[in-house]
Structure formats: structure tokens, C-alpha cells
Amino acid sequence: MEVTLSADKATFRVTGGIIDLYVFPGPTPDSVIRQYHSVIGYPAVPPYWALGFHQCRWGYEDTAAVRTVVEEYRKHELPLDTIWSDIDYMDEKKLFTLDPEHYREQDMQEFLSDVHANGQ
């Protein structure tokens, strides 16, 4: 593509295809952003929990280990909105499964009830 600028115009010369050109005249930076968003749409607001403090690691041996981490955060009055357990909770690394020995469903349900009761 070749672009030629002069005092009153800009010339775009392309070798093939169609060029989609959008001009956002403003006149202020704020209005340029508004005009741009009217073309592409507005960004989604992330869920509230995603904006908080997260703890994640590989190697939590079982539900009790994860529970201990959450309790230690509470004990030391550290903020914690979300805890991630990497792939340790999975049954043979299969998605949407729980390891029946180390992450029993009943233990997980009790743990999650406790976490949710504390606003996490």
C-alpha cells in the first residue's frame, strides 16, 4: 500500500483487494473513543470476582490442602476472592472431573459452601 499525504488530502493506493477505512473525526479524544466504540462495540464488564485477589498453584494434594490455604489467608487477614487448583483436582487430567480419592465431591461441596459463606 502506498500512502501520499498533502495539505488537504490523503491518498491510499492499494495493489489489490478492498480497503475498509474508518475515520473518527473527533473533535476531542473522548469523542474519538466514543465513535470507535460505536463501530466495534463496547467491552464486556468482567465478573466482579475476576477483579479480586487470586491464589493459584500446581501441587495442592487434596481438598484439605486447599482449605488450609484459604484458612491461612483468613487467619492473617489477607484478601482472597478466588482460589485455583490447577489440574490437581482432575481425575486423570480429564476436564470437568474430580479426583475421587483426593478431591471427593462431598469434600468439595462442603469446602465451596464454606468459601461462599465467607463471601468468596
N, C-alpha and C. Protein backbone atom coordinates (compact mmCIF):
# COMPACT_ATOMS: atom_id res chain seq x y z
N MET A 1 0.85 -1.17 0.00
CA MET A 1 0.00 0.00 0.00
C MET A 1 0.89 1.23 0.00
N GLU A 2 0.49 2.20 -0.76
CA GLU A 2 1.21 3.46 -0.86
C GLU A 2 0.31 4.57 -0.32
N VAL A 3 0.86 5.40 0.56
CA VAL A 3 0.09 6.50 1.14
C VAL A 3 0.79 7.80 0.80
N THR A 4 0.01 8.75 0.25
CA THR A 4 0.53 10.08 -0.06
C THR A 4 -0.28 11.11 0.71
N LEU A 5 0.41 11.93 1.48
CA LEU A 5 -0.26 12.96 2.26
C LEU A 5 0.04 14.33 1.68
N SER A 6 -0.98 15.15 1.59
CA SER A 6 -0.79 16.54 1.19
C SER A 6 -1.53 17.41 2.21
N ALA A 7 -1.52 18.71 2.01
CA ALA A 7 -2.11 19.62 2.99
C ALA A 7 -3.61 19.39 3.19
N ASP A 8 -4.33 18.99 2.13
CA ASP A 8 -5.78 18.87 2.23
C ASP A 8 -6.33 17.47 1.97
N LYS A 9 -5.44 16.47 1.76
CA LYS A 9 -5.96 15.14 1.48
C LYS A 9 -4.92 14.06 1.76
N ALA A 10 -5.43 12.84 1.87
CA ALA A 10 -4.59 11.66 2.00
C ALA A 10 -5.00 10.71 0.89
N THR A 11 -4.03 10.17 0.16
CA THR A 11 -4.31 9.25 -0.93
C THR A 11 -3.75 7.88 -0.57
N PHE A 12 -4.60 6.87 -0.63
CA PHE A 12 -4.19 5.49 -0.37
C PHE A 12 -4.26 4.74 -1.69
N ARG A 13 -3.17 4.15 -2.11
CA ARG A 13 -3.14 3.37 -3.34
C ARG A 13 -2.81 1.93 -2.95
N VAL A 14 -3.74 1.02 -3.23
CA VAL A 14 -3.54 -0.39 -2.88
C VAL A 14 -3.39 -1.20 -4.16
N THR A 15 -2.67 -2.28 -4.06
CA THR A 15 -2.43 -3.10 -5.25
C THR A 15 -3.54 -4.09 -5.51
N GLY A 16 -4.38 -4.36 -4.55
CA GLY A 16 -5.48 -5.28 -4.77
C GLY A 16 -6.35 -5.38 -3.54
N GLY A 17 -7.53 -5.88 -3.71
CA GLY A 17 -8.44 -6.05 -2.60
C GLY A 17 -9.18 -4.78 -2.26
N ILE A 18 -9.96 -4.89 -1.21
CA ILE A 18 -10.77 -3.77 -0.76
C ILE A 18 -10.22 -3.28 0.57
N ILE A 19 -10.14 -1.99 0.71
CA ILE A 19 -9.68 -1.40 1.97
C ILE A 19 -10.90 -0.85 2.71
N ASP A 20 -11.04 -1.25 3.97
CA ASP A 20 -12.07 -0.69 4.84
C ASP A 20 -11.41 0.41 5.65
N LEU A 21 -11.84 1.61 5.45
CA LEU A 21 -11.23 2.75 6.11
C LEU A 21 -12.27 3.46 6.96
N TYR A 22 -11.96 3.61 8.21
CA TYR A 22 -12.85 4.31 9.13
C TYR A 22 -12.16 5.59 9.57
N VAL A 23 -12.88 6.67 9.60
CA VAL A 23 -12.34 7.96 10.04
C VAL A 23 -13.17 8.41 11.23
N PHE A 24 -12.50 8.71 12.30
CA PHE A 24 -13.16 9.19 13.52
C PHE A 24 -12.73 10.63 13.73
N PRO A 25 -13.55 11.58 13.28
CA PRO A 25 -13.13 12.98 13.25
C PRO A 25 -13.07 13.69 14.60
N GLY A 26 -13.56 13.06 15.65
CA GLY A 26 -13.45 13.71 16.96
C GLY A 26 -14.56 14.70 17.20
N PRO A 27 -14.28 15.86 17.61
CA PRO A 27 -13.01 16.59 17.59
C PRO A 27 -12.13 16.36 18.83
N THR A 28 -12.68 15.71 19.89
CA THR A 28 -11.87 15.51 21.10
C THR A 28 -11.48 14.02 21.19
N PRO A 29 -10.44 13.72 21.94
CA PRO A 29 -10.08 12.32 22.12
C PRO A 29 -11.23 11.48 22.68
N ASP A 30 -11.99 12.04 23.60
CA ASP A 30 -13.13 11.34 24.18
C ASP A 30 -14.17 10.99 23.12
N SER A 31 -14.44 11.92 22.23
CA SER A 31 -15.43 11.65 21.18
C SER A 31 -14.89 10.66 20.15
N VAL A 32 -13.58 10.65 19.91
CA VAL A 32 -12.98 9.65 19.02
C VAL A 32 -13.20 8.26 19.59
N ILE A 33 -12.98 8.10 20.89
CA ILE A 33 -13.19 6.81 21.54
C ILE A 33 -14.65 6.39 21.44
N ARG A 34 -15.57 7.32 21.68
CA ARG A 34 -17.00 7.01 21.56
C ARG A 34 -17.35 6.59 20.13
N GLN A 35 -16.81 7.28 19.16
CA GLN A 35 -17.07 6.94 17.76
C GLN A 35 -16.49 5.56 17.42
N TYR A 36 -15.30 5.29 17.91
CA TYR A 36 -14.66 3.99 17.69
C TYR A 36 -15.50 2.87 18.29
N HIS A 37 -15.97 3.06 19.53
CA HIS A 37 -16.80 2.04 20.17
C HIS A 37 -18.14 1.86 19.47
N SER A 38 -18.64 2.90 18.83
CA SER A 38 -19.89 2.74 18.09
C SER A 38 -19.72 1.80 16.90
N VAL A 39 -18.47 1.65 16.43
CA VAL A 39 -18.19 0.73 15.32
C VAL A 39 -17.89 -0.67 15.84
N ILE A 40 -17.04 -0.79 16.85
CA ILE A 40 -16.60 -2.12 17.29
C ILE A 40 -17.41 -2.69 18.45
N GLY A 41 -18.20 -1.86 19.12
CA GLY A 41 -18.93 -2.31 20.30
C GLY A 41 -18.17 -1.96 21.56
N TYR A 42 -18.85 -2.12 22.67
CA TYR A 42 -18.25 -1.78 23.96
C TYR A 42 -17.68 -3.02 24.62
N PRO A 43 -16.60 -2.86 25.39
CA PRO A 43 -16.01 -4.03 26.05
C PRO A 43 -16.95 -4.57 27.12
N ALA A 44 -16.87 -5.88 27.33
CA ALA A 44 -17.68 -6.52 28.37
C ALA A 44 -17.10 -6.20 29.74
N VAL A 45 -17.97 -6.05 30.69
CA VAL A 45 -17.52 -5.83 32.06
C VAL A 45 -17.21 -7.21 32.65
N PRO A 46 -16.01 -7.40 33.18
CA PRO A 46 -15.68 -8.71 33.74
C PRO A 46 -16.49 -8.97 35.00
N PRO A 47 -16.68 -10.23 35.36
CA PRO A 47 -17.39 -10.52 36.60
C PRO A 47 -16.63 -9.96 37.79
N TYR A 48 -17.37 -9.57 38.81
CA TYR A 48 -16.76 -8.92 39.97
C TYR A 48 -15.63 -9.74 40.58
N TRP A 49 -15.83 -11.05 40.72
CA TRP A 49 -14.81 -11.90 41.35
C TRP A 49 -13.50 -11.89 40.58
N ALA A 50 -13.56 -11.67 39.26
CA ALA A 50 -12.35 -11.70 38.45
C ALA A 50 -11.43 -10.51 38.72
N LEU A 51 -11.97 -9.48 39.35
CA LEU A 51 -11.19 -8.28 39.63
C LEU A 51 -10.48 -8.36 40.98
N GLY A 52 -10.75 -9.43 41.75
CA GLY A 52 -10.22 -9.53 43.09
C GLY A 52 -8.87 -10.21 43.17
N PHE A 53 -8.53 -10.62 44.38
CA PHE A 53 -7.25 -11.27 44.66
C PHE A 53 -7.37 -12.76 44.43
N HIS A 54 -6.44 -13.33 43.66
CA HIS A 54 -6.46 -14.74 43.29
C HIS A 54 -5.23 -15.45 43.85
N GLN A 55 -5.41 -16.72 44.19
CA GLN A 55 -4.30 -17.58 44.59
C GLN A 55 -4.39 -18.84 43.74
N CYS A 56 -3.27 -19.22 43.13
CA CYS A 56 -3.25 -20.42 42.29
C CYS A 56 -1.89 -21.07 42.39
N ARG A 57 -1.90 -22.39 42.35
CA ARG A 57 -0.64 -23.11 42.23
C ARG A 57 -0.91 -24.54 41.82
N TRP A 58 0.11 -25.16 41.31
CA TRP A 58 0.06 -26.57 41.00
C TRP A 58 0.61 -27.30 42.21
N GLY A 59 -0.01 -28.40 42.61
CA GLY A 59 0.55 -29.18 43.69
C GLY A 59 -0.28 -29.25 44.96
N TYR A 60 -1.50 -28.68 44.98
CA TYR A 60 -2.36 -28.89 46.14
C TYR A 60 -2.74 -30.36 46.15
N GLU A 61 -2.35 -31.07 47.20
CA GLU A 61 -2.51 -32.52 47.22
C GLU A 61 -3.97 -32.97 47.31
N ASP A 62 -4.77 -32.23 48.06
CA ASP A 62 -6.18 -32.62 48.22
C ASP A 62 -7.00 -31.42 48.66
N THR A 63 -8.30 -31.67 48.87
CA THR A 63 -9.20 -30.59 49.27
C THR A 63 -8.75 -29.97 50.60
N ALA A 64 -8.25 -30.80 51.51
CA ALA A 64 -7.80 -30.28 52.80
C ALA A 64 -6.66 -29.27 52.64
N ALA A 65 -5.77 -29.52 51.70
CA ALA A 65 -4.66 -28.58 51.46
C ALA A 65 -5.17 -27.24 50.95
N VAL A 66 -6.15 -27.29 50.06
CA VAL A 66 -6.73 -26.04 49.53
C VAL A 66 -7.46 -25.31 50.65
N ARG A 67 -8.20 -26.06 51.45
CA ARG A 67 -8.92 -25.47 52.58
C ARG A 67 -7.94 -24.79 53.55
N THR A 68 -6.81 -25.43 53.81
CA THR A 68 -5.80 -24.86 54.71
C THR A 68 -5.28 -23.53 54.18
N VAL A 69 -5.04 -23.45 52.88
CA VAL A 69 -4.57 -22.19 52.29
C VAL A 69 -5.60 -21.09 52.52
N VAL A 70 -6.87 -21.39 52.26
CA VAL A 70 -7.93 -20.38 52.45
C VAL A 70 -8.01 -19.97 53.92
N GLU A 71 -7.93 -20.94 54.83
CA GLU A 71 -7.99 -20.62 56.26
C GLU A 71 -6.80 -19.77 56.70
N GLU A 72 -5.62 -20.03 56.14
CA GLU A 72 -4.45 -19.22 56.48
C GLU A 72 -4.59 -17.78 55.97
N TYR A 73 -5.17 -17.63 54.80
CA TYR A 73 -5.43 -16.27 54.30
C TYR A 73 -6.35 -15.55 55.28
N ARG A 74 -7.42 -16.23 55.71
CA ARG A 74 -8.37 -15.64 56.66
C ARG A 74 -7.68 -15.29 57.97
N LYS A 75 -6.91 -16.25 58.49
CA LYS A 75 -6.23 -16.08 59.78
C LYS A 75 -5.32 -14.85 59.76
N HIS A 76 -4.65 -14.63 58.65
CA HIS A 76 -3.72 -13.49 58.55
C HIS A 76 -4.37 -12.25 57.94
N GLU A 77 -5.70 -12.31 57.77
CA GLU A 77 -6.49 -11.19 57.24
C GLU A 77 -5.98 -10.70 55.90
N LEU A 78 -5.61 -11.67 55.04
CA LEU A 78 -5.19 -11.35 53.68
C LEU A 78 -6.38 -11.46 52.74
N PRO A 79 -6.50 -10.56 51.79
CA PRO A 79 -7.63 -10.64 50.86
C PRO A 79 -7.50 -11.87 49.95
N LEU A 80 -8.60 -12.54 49.71
CA LEU A 80 -8.63 -13.68 48.80
C LEU A 80 -10.03 -13.81 48.25
N ASP A 81 -10.20 -13.59 46.97
CA ASP A 81 -11.50 -13.69 46.33
C ASP A 81 -11.68 -14.99 45.56
N THR A 82 -10.58 -15.53 45.07
CA THR A 82 -10.65 -16.73 44.24
C THR A 82 -9.43 -17.60 44.50
N ILE A 83 -9.66 -18.91 44.55
CA ILE A 83 -8.54 -19.83 44.66
C ILE A 83 -8.65 -20.83 43.52
N TRP A 84 -7.51 -21.09 42.87
CA TRP A 84 -7.46 -22.01 41.73
C TRP A 84 -6.61 -23.21 42.14
N SER A 85 -6.97 -24.37 41.63
CA SER A 85 -6.25 -25.58 42.00
C SER A 85 -5.62 -26.26 40.79
N ASP A 86 -5.30 -25.52 39.76
CA ASP A 86 -4.66 -26.04 38.56
C ASP A 86 -5.27 -27.37 38.15
N ILE A 87 -4.47 -28.36 37.81
CA ILE A 87 -5.01 -29.63 37.31
C ILE A 87 -5.11 -30.70 38.40
N ASP A 88 -4.72 -30.36 39.62
CA ASP A 88 -4.66 -31.35 40.69
C ASP A 88 -6.02 -31.98 41.02
N TYR A 89 -7.09 -31.24 40.87
CA TYR A 89 -8.42 -31.73 41.24
C TYR A 89 -8.99 -32.74 40.24
N MET A 90 -8.40 -32.82 39.04
CA MET A 90 -8.97 -33.63 37.96
C MET A 90 -8.71 -35.13 38.16
N ASP A 91 -9.62 -35.92 37.67
CA ASP A 91 -9.45 -37.37 37.63
C ASP A 91 -8.70 -37.71 36.35
N GLU A 92 -7.44 -38.10 36.49
CA GLU A 92 -6.56 -38.43 35.37
C GLU A 92 -6.49 -37.31 34.32
N LYS A 93 -6.52 -36.07 34.82
CA LYS A 93 -6.40 -34.87 33.98
C LYS A 93 -7.50 -34.74 32.94
N LYS A 94 -8.67 -35.33 33.22
CA LYS A 94 -9.83 -35.20 32.33
C LYS A 94 -10.64 -33.99 32.77
N LEU A 95 -11.03 -33.16 31.81
CA LEU A 95 -11.79 -31.96 32.11
C LEU A 95 -13.12 -32.29 32.78
N PHE A 96 -13.57 -31.39 33.63
CA PHE A 96 -14.87 -31.48 34.30
C PHE A 96 -15.01 -32.73 35.15
N THR A 97 -13.90 -33.19 35.75
CA THR A 97 -13.94 -34.35 36.64
C THR A 97 -13.26 -33.99 37.96
N LEU A 98 -13.52 -34.79 38.98
CA LEU A 98 -12.85 -34.65 40.27
C LEU A 98 -12.13 -35.95 40.58
N ASP A 99 -10.91 -35.83 41.08
CA ASP A 99 -10.16 -36.99 41.54
C ASP A 99 -10.95 -37.61 42.70
N PRO A 100 -11.46 -38.84 42.54
CA PRO A 100 -12.33 -39.42 43.56
C PRO A 100 -11.62 -39.72 44.88
N GLU A 101 -10.30 -39.78 44.87
CA GLU A 101 -9.55 -40.08 46.09
C GLU A 101 -9.15 -38.82 46.84
N HIS A 102 -8.62 -37.83 46.12
CA HIS A 102 -8.08 -36.62 46.77
C HIS A 102 -9.03 -35.43 46.77
N TYR A 103 -9.94 -35.39 45.84
CA TYR A 103 -10.90 -34.28 45.74
C TYR A 103 -12.30 -34.84 45.65
N ARG A 104 -12.70 -35.51 46.73
CA ARG A 104 -14.03 -36.14 46.74
C ARG A 104 -15.11 -35.07 46.59
N GLU A 105 -16.17 -35.44 45.90
CA GLU A 105 -17.24 -34.49 45.60
C GLU A 105 -17.84 -33.90 46.88
N GLN A 106 -18.09 -34.72 47.88
CA GLN A 106 -18.68 -34.23 49.12
C GLN A 106 -17.74 -33.23 49.80
N ASP A 107 -16.44 -33.52 49.83
CA ASP A 107 -15.47 -32.60 50.42
C ASP A 107 -15.46 -31.26 49.68
N MET A 108 -15.52 -31.34 48.36
CA MET A 108 -15.52 -30.11 47.54
C MET A 108 -16.78 -29.30 47.79
N GLN A 109 -17.93 -29.97 47.88
CA GLN A 109 -19.18 -29.24 48.13
C GLN A 109 -19.15 -28.54 49.49
N GLU A 110 -18.64 -29.23 50.51
CA GLU A 110 -18.53 -28.61 51.83
C GLU A 110 -17.56 -27.44 51.81
N PHE A 111 -16.44 -27.63 51.14
CA PHE A 111 -15.44 -26.56 51.04
C PHE A 111 -16.03 -25.34 50.32
N LEU A 112 -16.69 -25.58 49.20
CA LEU A 112 -17.27 -24.46 48.45
C LEU A 112 -18.36 -23.76 49.24
N SER A 113 -19.16 -24.50 49.99
CA SER A 113 -20.17 -23.88 50.84
C SER A 113 -19.54 -22.96 51.86
N ASP A 114 -18.44 -23.40 52.46
CA ASP A 114 -17.70 -22.59 53.43
C ASP A 114 -17.13 -21.33 52.78
N VAL A 115 -16.52 -21.51 51.62
CA VAL A 115 -15.94 -20.37 50.90
C VAL A 115 -17.03 -19.35 50.55
N HIS A 116 -18.14 -19.83 50.03
CA HIS A 116 -19.23 -18.92 49.64
C HIS A 116 -19.85 -18.25 50.87
N ALA A 117 -19.92 -18.97 51.98
CA ALA A 117 -20.47 -18.38 53.22
C ALA A 117 -19.61 -17.21 53.70
N ASN A 118 -18.34 -17.22 53.32
CA ASN A 118 -17.43 -16.12 53.69
C ASN A 118 -17.32 -15.06 52.61
N GLY A 119 -18.24 -15.09 51.66
CA GLY A 119 -18.26 -14.04 50.63
C GLY A 119 -17.16 -14.15 49.61
N GLN A 120 -16.64 -15.34 49.42
CA GLN A 120 -15.57 -15.54 48.43
C GLN A 120 -16.11 -16.27 47.24
